[in-house]
Amino acid sequence: ETFVTEKELDELKAIGVTHCRIPVGYWLVDYDEADGFVSGGERYLFRLLAWLKQRAMKAVLDLHALPGAQAANSGSTGRRTGTAQFFLNAALHQRGRQAIKKLAGLILQMDTNILTSDVVVGMGFVNEPAWDYWDTSPGIKELYEAMIPEVRKILPREKCAIMLSFAGPAMRSEGMEWLTAMRNERPEEFAAVFYDAHIFHAYGDNDAPGRVWREDVDSCKTCCRDPALLQPLVRAGLPIIVGEYSVETGFGGQDTDFQQAYLQNQLSLWASTPGIMGSFFWSFRTLTSPSSTSEEGTPASLLEVMASGAEVSPSLRGSSSASSPPTSGMCPKEDLAKCPDIF
């Protein structure tokens, strides 16, 4: 009832946010009390989409949780499990496929209502599936190949983009090569299908065993390494959405000035990289228990980073495409001549 308010949407719009990525669980469209989740989310989703329309903002609905979990030990799947049962249990897998179709149907339903029409412009099938199941049966590739034509029967490409999550490094070749091939072999079905890249500097990157954090490390990775990681996608000519990023370092405790500089560097990278169509900060808001502290590693939300009145430069709000030059320089306050050779 209170997690998302109109006041916060006004604050987000004021700093230049135009699109919101909204995570939902499969139980939104396929509720079963035995699963242990809470019903009634559709009402709040409808209200949020109506508020977004009033502000000329858009939304992407991302199916964050599939039956049985698409990845082990991940809180974003709704319930942490020791195995990715979505890929191991045939009944759960089929139920998940139906949930994808039902979510597409809900988007179509919302689009026919004058209060929420033309708000949802994108849909994600599954968030960060375990990469071990890329080429299994059932698996990620099999899921994408089967469900894209099914969803396109409900949501035409002119109305709704599809974001495909490829968990792991942006330069991971299997997913990139497959999506490139599909766009060439089945151009009608795979038009408006985007590569969803999640780029973080934590979770085994900055904070690998034995690492000691330094402020310049994140600047170097954003301005020197991450452009190199993105280059295979750029060369492939794929449309890219940065579906998640943050100012998390893996160590916690960084001050707001550092976080704002880190954010600006990342925004400049997205704006300067051909093919990146937009980006979504990992969360606009976080809820923590009264006993938690920033040192415990809770990633900062966008509103927390911007709390001291920092402004997002207007020149960084856009993005470039393969056919248009960047509108601003990458990492304008950093000395890129100091970048080491990458790869």
Protein backbone atom coordinates (compact mmCIF):
# COMPACT_ATOMS: atom_id res chain seq x y z
CA GLU A 1 0.00 0.00 0.00
CA THR A 2 2.83 2.43 0.80
CA PHE A 3 6.00 1.12 -0.89
CA VAL A 4 5.38 3.18 -4.05
CA THR A 5 3.73 6.58 -3.65
CA GLU A 6 2.85 9.38 -6.04
CA LYS A 7 5.32 11.64 -4.22
CA GLU A 8 8.17 9.26 -5.01
CA LEU A 9 7.14 9.01 -8.65
CA ASP A 10 7.22 12.81 -8.82
CA GLU A 11 10.72 12.76 -7.34
CA LEU A 12 11.85 10.17 -9.87
CA LYS A 13 10.42 12.14 -12.77
CA ALA A 14 12.10 15.32 -11.49
CA ILE A 15 15.54 13.71 -11.75
CA GLY A 16 14.89 12.48 -15.28
CA VAL A 17 13.49 8.97 -14.85
CA THR A 18 11.18 8.12 -17.76
CA HIS A 19 10.74 4.34 -17.47
CA CYS A 20 10.27 2.00 -14.50
CA ARG A 21 11.16 -1.70 -14.46
CA ILE A 22 8.57 -3.42 -12.27
CA PRO A 23 9.42 -6.91 -10.95
CA VAL A 24 6.51 -9.31 -10.48
CA GLY A 25 6.22 -12.94 -9.41
CA TYR A 26 4.40 -15.67 -11.32
CA TRP A 27 1.73 -15.73 -8.58
CA LEU A 28 0.46 -12.37 -9.83
CA VAL A 29 -1.10 -14.20 -12.80
CA ASP A 30 -1.18 -17.80 -11.51
CA TYR A 31 -2.10 -17.67 -7.84
CA ASP A 32 -2.26 -20.84 -5.76
CA GLU A 33 -2.58 -20.46 -2.00
CA ALA A 34 -0.50 -23.62 -1.54
CA ASP A 35 2.55 -21.80 -2.92
CA GLY A 36 2.62 -19.59 0.16
CA PHE A 37 2.57 -16.20 -1.53
CA VAL A 38 0.16 -13.27 -1.15
CA SER A 39 -2.60 -12.57 -3.64
CA GLY A 40 -4.00 -9.21 -4.71
CA GLY A 41 -1.00 -7.68 -6.42
CA GLU A 42 -2.87 -6.88 -9.63
CA ARG A 43 -4.78 -4.07 -7.92
CA TYR A 44 -1.59 -2.32 -6.89
CA LEU A 45 0.04 -2.88 -10.26
CA PHE A 46 -2.96 -1.28 -11.98
CA ARG A 47 -2.75 1.72 -9.65
CA LEU A 48 0.97 2.14 -10.29
CA LEU A 49 0.53 1.98 -14.06
CA ALA A 50 -2.26 4.57 -13.84
CA TRP A 51 0.01 6.87 -11.83
CA LEU A 52 2.77 6.42 -14.40
CA LYS A 53 0.38 7.33 -17.23
CA GLN A 54 -0.61 10.52 -15.43
CA ARG A 55 3.08 11.48 -15.48
CA ALA A 56 3.75 10.39 -19.08
CA MET A 57 6.09 7.69 -17.77
CA LYS A 58 6.43 4.14 -19.12
CA ALA A 59 6.95 0.68 -17.60
CA VAL A 60 8.56 -2.67 -18.24
CA LEU A 61 7.08 -5.67 -16.42
CA ASP A 62 9.75 -8.21 -15.53
CA LEU A 63 8.84 -11.73 -14.44
CA HIS A 64 11.29 -11.99 -11.56
CA ALA A 65 10.14 -15.33 -10.16
CA LEU A 66 9.06 -18.52 -11.92
CA PRO A 67 7.60 -21.65 -10.28
CA GLY A 68 10.27 -23.65 -8.47
CA ALA A 69 12.86 -20.84 -8.93
CA GLN A 70 14.95 -20.22 -12.05
CA ALA A 71 18.15 -19.96 -9.98
CA ALA A 72 19.31 -21.50 -6.72
CA ASN A 73 19.72 -19.45 -3.54
CA SER A 74 18.30 -16.25 -5.02
CA GLY A 75 15.90 -14.09 -3.05
CA SER A 76 14.55 -12.51 -6.22
CA THR A 77 12.85 -15.80 -7.13
CA GLY A 78 10.37 -15.33 -4.30
CA ARG A 79 11.75 -18.11 -2.13
CA ARG A 80 15.35 -19.28 -1.78
CA THR A 81 15.77 -22.88 -2.88
CA GLY A 82 18.79 -25.13 -3.11
CA THR A 83 18.16 -25.97 -6.77
CA ALA A 84 16.59 -24.32 -9.81
CA GLN A 85 13.50 -26.51 -9.90
CA PHE A 86 11.99 -24.52 -12.76
CA PHE A 87 14.50 -26.26 -15.05
CA LEU A 88 14.38 -29.62 -13.25
CA ASN A 89 10.66 -30.24 -12.76
CA ALA A 90 8.63 -30.59 -15.97
CA ALA A 91 5.33 -29.63 -14.35
CA LEU A 92 6.78 -26.47 -12.79
CA HIS A 93 8.42 -25.58 -16.09
CA GLN A 94 5.16 -25.84 -18.01
CA ARG A 95 3.43 -23.80 -15.34
CA GLY A 96 6.08 -21.12 -15.77
CA ARG A 97 5.57 -21.05 -19.51
CA GLN A 98 1.87 -20.51 -18.95
CA ALA A 99 2.66 -17.71 -16.50
CA ILE A 100 4.67 -15.94 -19.20
CA LYS A 101 1.69 -16.11 -21.55
CA LYS A 102 -0.68 -14.97 -18.80
CA LEU A 103 1.52 -11.97 -18.01
CA ALA A 104 1.48 -11.06 -21.70
CA GLY A 105 -2.31 -11.31 -21.58
CA LEU A 106 -2.43 -9.04 -18.52
CA ILE A 107 -0.29 -6.46 -20.33
CA LEU A 108 -2.72 -6.58 -23.26
CA GLN A 109 -5.63 -6.17 -20.84
CA MET A 110 -3.99 -3.14 -19.23
CA ASP A 111 -3.41 -1.66 -22.67
CA THR A 112 -7.14 -1.70 -23.44
CA ASN A 113 -7.98 0.34 -20.33
CA ILE A 114 -7.91 4.09 -20.88
CA LEU A 115 -6.34 4.59 -17.44
CA THR A 116 -3.32 2.39 -18.19
CA SER A 117 -3.09 2.20 -21.99
CA ASP A 118 0.28 2.73 -23.68
CA VAL A 119 2.17 2.54 -20.38
CA VAL A 120 3.73 -0.93 -20.54
CA VAL A 121 6.27 -0.93 -23.37
CA GLY A 122 8.36 -3.96 -22.44
CA MET A 123 8.27 -7.39 -20.84
CA GLY A 124 10.96 -9.61 -19.33
CA PHE A 125 10.40 -13.38 -19.43
CA VAL A 126 12.65 -14.34 -16.51
CA ASN A 127 15.18 -12.55 -14.30
CA GLU A 128 18.74 -13.89 -14.12
CA PRO A 129 18.17 -17.60 -14.82
CA ALA A 130 20.99 -19.93 -13.78
CA TRP A 131 23.38 -20.14 -16.73
CA ASP A 132 24.06 -23.85 -16.15
CA TYR A 133 20.70 -24.40 -17.85
CA TRP A 134 21.40 -22.41 -21.00
CA ASP A 135 21.53 -25.41 -23.33
CA THR A 136 19.68 -28.08 -21.36
CA SER A 137 16.19 -29.40 -22.01
CA PRO A 138 14.25 -27.72 -20.61
CA GLY A 139 16.62 -24.79 -20.54
CA ILE A 140 16.97 -21.07 -21.12
CA LYS A 141 17.57 -21.17 -24.88
CA GLU A 142 14.72 -23.63 -25.39
CA LEU A 143 12.44 -21.43 -23.27
CA TYR A 144 13.26 -18.27 -25.23
CA GLU A 145 12.86 -19.95 -28.62
CA ALA A 146 9.48 -21.40 -27.65
CA MET A 147 7.99 -18.43 -25.84
CA ILE A 148 8.92 -15.51 -28.10
CA PRO A 149 6.53 -16.62 -30.89
CA GLU A 150 3.85 -17.42 -28.28
CA VAL A 151 4.10 -13.97 -26.71
CA ARG A 152 4.18 -12.30 -30.12
CA LYS A 153 0.74 -13.80 -30.82
CA ILE A 154 -0.50 -11.72 -27.88
CA LEU A 155 1.76 -8.66 -27.91
CA PRO A 156 2.97 -7.39 -31.30
CA ARG A 157 6.44 -5.92 -31.54
CA GLU A 158 4.98 -2.46 -32.18
CA LYS A 159 3.35 -2.51 -28.73
CA CYS A 160 5.81 -4.30 -26.49
CA ALA A 161 9.54 -5.02 -26.51
CA ILE A 162 10.89 -8.26 -25.06
CA MET A 163 13.90 -8.20 -22.74
CA LEU A 164 15.89 -11.43 -22.51
CA SER A 165 18.08 -11.92 -19.45
CA PHE A 166 21.52 -13.47 -19.92
CA ALA A 167 22.96 -13.90 -16.43
CA GLY A 168 26.71 -13.46 -16.29
CA PRO A 169 29.33 -11.27 -17.97
CA ALA A 170 28.09 -9.02 -20.77
CA MET A 171 30.59 -10.60 -23.16
CA ARG A 172 29.28 -14.16 -22.57
CA SER A 173 29.37 -15.50 -26.10
CA GLU A 174 26.67 -18.21 -26.14
CA GLY A 175 23.72 -15.91 -25.52
CA MET A 176 25.06 -13.12 -27.69
CA GLU A 177 25.76 -15.42 -30.64
CA TRP A 178 22.39 -17.12 -30.31
CA LEU A 179 20.44 -13.85 -30.20
CA THR A 180 22.38 -12.49 -33.18
CA ALA A 181 21.60 -15.66 -35.15
CA MET A 182 17.90 -15.57 -34.22
CA ARG A 183 17.57 -11.93 -35.27
CA ASN A 184 19.04 -12.89 -38.65
CA GLU A 185 17.09 -16.14 -39.11
CA ARG A 186 13.73 -15.02 -37.70
CA PRO A 187 13.72 -11.23 -38.07
CA GLU A 188 9.96 -10.78 -37.73
CA GLU A 189 9.72 -12.68 -34.45
CA PHE A 190 12.93 -11.28 -32.97
CA ALA A 191 12.42 -7.63 -33.83
CA ALA A 192 12.20 -5.53 -30.66
CA VAL A 193 13.93 -8.28 -28.67
CA PHE A 194 16.64 -6.75 -26.49
CA TYR A 195 19.72 -8.16 -24.79
CA ASP A 196 19.19 -7.47 -21.06
CA ALA A 197 22.61 -6.88 -19.47
CA HIS A 198 23.05 -6.62 -15.69
CA ILE A 199 26.30 -4.89 -14.76
CA PHE A 200 27.52 -4.82 -11.16
CA HIS A 201 30.86 -4.32 -9.41
CA ALA A 202 30.07 -6.60 -6.49
CA TYR A 203 29.09 -10.23 -5.96
CA GLY A 204 32.56 -11.68 -6.55
CA ASP A 205 33.97 -8.79 -8.61
CA ASN A 206 35.23 -5.98 -6.35
CA ASP A 207 34.66 -8.10 -3.28
CA ALA A 208 36.43 -11.29 -4.35
CA PRO A 209 38.44 -12.97 -1.56
CA GLY A 210 41.57 -11.02 -0.71
CA ARG A 211 40.46 -7.78 -2.35
CA VAL A 212 40.81 -4.44 -0.56
CA TRP A 213 38.50 -1.69 -1.82
CA ARG A 214 39.83 1.57 -3.24
CA GLU A 215 37.70 4.39 -4.61
CA ASP A 216 39.49 4.51 -7.96
CA VAL A 217 38.75 0.84 -8.67
CA ASP A 218 35.10 1.46 -9.53
CA SER A 219 36.00 4.45 -11.72
CA CYS A 220 38.51 2.33 -13.57
CA LYS A 221 36.06 -0.54 -14.08
CA THR A 222 33.26 1.76 -15.28
CA CYS A 223 35.40 3.88 -17.57
CA CYS A 224 37.98 1.33 -18.77
CA ARG A 225 36.83 -2.27 -18.28
CA ASP A 226 33.05 -2.16 -18.72
CA PRO A 227 33.26 -0.53 -22.18
CA ALA A 228 35.48 -3.46 -23.23
CA LEU A 229 32.99 -5.97 -21.80
CA LEU A 230 30.20 -4.34 -23.81
CA GLN A 231 32.11 -4.21 -27.09
CA PRO A 232 31.15 -7.72 -28.32
CA LEU A 233 27.48 -6.74 -28.00
CA VAL A 234 28.14 -3.46 -29.80
CA ARG A 235 30.00 -5.20 -32.64
CA ALA A 236 27.14 -7.69 -32.97
CA GLY A 237 24.74 -4.78 -33.47
CA LEU A 238 22.39 -5.99 -30.74
CA PRO A 239 19.92 -3.63 -29.07
CA ILE A 240 20.89 -3.53 -25.39
CA ILE A 241 19.03 -2.66 -22.22
CA VAL A 242 21.04 -2.32 -19.03
CA GLY A 243 18.34 -4.01 -16.99
CA GLU A 244 20.10 -3.59 -13.65
CA TYR A 245 23.07 -1.66 -12.30
CA SER A 246 23.90 -0.05 -8.97
CA VAL A 247 26.54 1.89 -7.04
CA GLU A 248 27.23 -1.16 -4.88
CA THR A 249 30.94 -1.87 -4.38
CA GLY A 250 30.65 -5.04 -2.34
CA PHE A 251 32.13 -3.41 0.74
CA GLY A 252 29.47 -0.91 1.88
CA GLY A 253 29.98 2.33 3.76
CA GLN A 254 30.74 4.62 0.79
CA ASP A 255 29.64 8.24 1.12
CA THR A 256 27.07 9.96 -1.07
CA ASP A 257 29.65 12.02 -3.00
CA PHE A 258 31.37 8.83 -4.14
CA GLN A 259 28.06 7.18 -5.02
CA GLN A 260 26.94 10.16 -7.10
CA ALA A 261 30.22 10.27 -9.01
CA TYR A 262 29.97 6.51 -9.57
CA LEU A 263 26.40 6.93 -10.87
CA GLN A 264 27.37 9.75 -13.23
CA ASN A 265 30.21 7.68 -14.69
CA GLN A 266 27.86 4.78 -15.34
CA LEU A 267 25.22 7.01 -16.93
CA SER A 268 27.87 8.50 -19.20
CA LEU A 269 28.92 4.99 -20.27
CA TRP A 270 25.36 3.97 -21.13
CA ALA A 271 24.84 7.23 -23.06
CA SER A 272 28.10 6.82 -24.98
CA THR A 273 27.73 3.17 -25.98
CA PRO A 274 26.07 2.51 -29.36
CA GLY A 275 23.13 0.15 -29.08
CA ILE A 276 22.26 0.83 -25.44
CA MET A 277 18.64 1.92 -25.58
CA GLY A 278 18.23 2.69 -21.88
CA SER A 279 19.06 1.61 -18.34
CA PHE A 280 17.35 0.78 -15.06
CA PHE A 281 18.92 1.44 -11.67
CA TRP A 282 18.44 -1.70 -9.59
CA SER A 283 15.85 -0.16 -7.22
CA PHE A 284 14.34 3.23 -6.56
CA ARG A 285 13.90 2.41 -2.86
CA THR A 286 14.97 -0.16 -0.29
CA LEU A 287 13.44 -1.26 2.98
CA THR A 288 15.77 -2.42 5.74
CA SER A 289 15.23 -3.52 9.31
CA PRO A 290 15.94 -0.94 12.05
CA SER A 291 19.02 -2.90 13.13
CA SER A 292 20.69 -2.94 9.69
CA THR A 293 23.43 -0.55 8.64
CA SER A 294 25.02 0.51 5.36
CA GLU A 295 28.18 -1.33 6.40
CA GLU A 296 26.25 -4.58 6.17
CA GLY A 297 26.21 -4.17 2.41
CA THR A 298 22.60 -3.21 1.61
CA PRO A 299 22.90 -1.60 -1.84
CA ALA A 300 21.88 2.05 -1.99
CA SER A 301 18.66 2.87 -3.81
CA LEU A 302 18.37 5.62 -6.41
CA LEU A 303 16.48 7.94 -4.07
CA GLU A 304 19.13 7.41 -1.38
CA VAL A 305 21.92 8.28 -3.80
CA MET A 306 20.09 11.41 -4.92
CA ALA A 307 18.95 12.41 -1.42
CA SER A 308 21.45 15.24 -0.97
CA GLY A 309 20.15 17.11 -4.00
CA ALA A 310 22.49 15.89 -6.73
CA GLU A 311 21.24 16.40 -10.26
CA VAL A 312 21.43 14.05 -13.19
CA SER A 313 22.95 15.99 -16.05
CA PRO A 314 20.35 16.38 -18.85
CA SER A 315 22.98 15.35 -21.39
CA LEU A 316 23.22 11.97 -19.67
CA ARG A 317 19.51 11.18 -19.75
CA GLY A 318 19.46 10.08 -23.37
CA SER A 319 21.14 7.15 -25.04
CA SER A 320 22.88 6.63 -28.34
CA SER A 321 22.10 4.09 -31.01
CA ALA A 322 24.23 2.47 -33.65
CA SER A 323 23.11 5.14 -36.12
CA SER A 324 23.50 8.20 -33.90
CA PRO A 325 26.63 9.54 -32.22
CA PRO A 326 26.94 9.78 -28.44
CA THR A 327 25.48 12.96 -26.97
CA SER A 328 28.12 13.29 -24.26
CA GLY A 329 31.60 12.12 -23.43
CA MET A 330 32.21 9.03 -21.37
CA CYS A 331 33.44 9.66 -17.82
CA PRO A 332 34.10 13.36 -18.48
CA LYS A 333 35.73 13.96 -15.08
CA GLU A 334 38.13 11.00 -15.32
CA ASP A 335 41.53 10.80 -17.04
CA LEU A 336 40.92 7.99 -19.53
CA ALA A 337 44.59 8.10 -20.55
CA LYS A 338 45.27 6.22 -17.32
CA CYS A 339 43.17 3.24 -18.42
CA PRO A 340 45.19 0.01 -18.53
CA ASP A 341 45.04 -2.34 -21.48
CA ILE A 342 41.90 -4.49 -21.14
CA PHE A 343 41.92 -8.00 -22.66
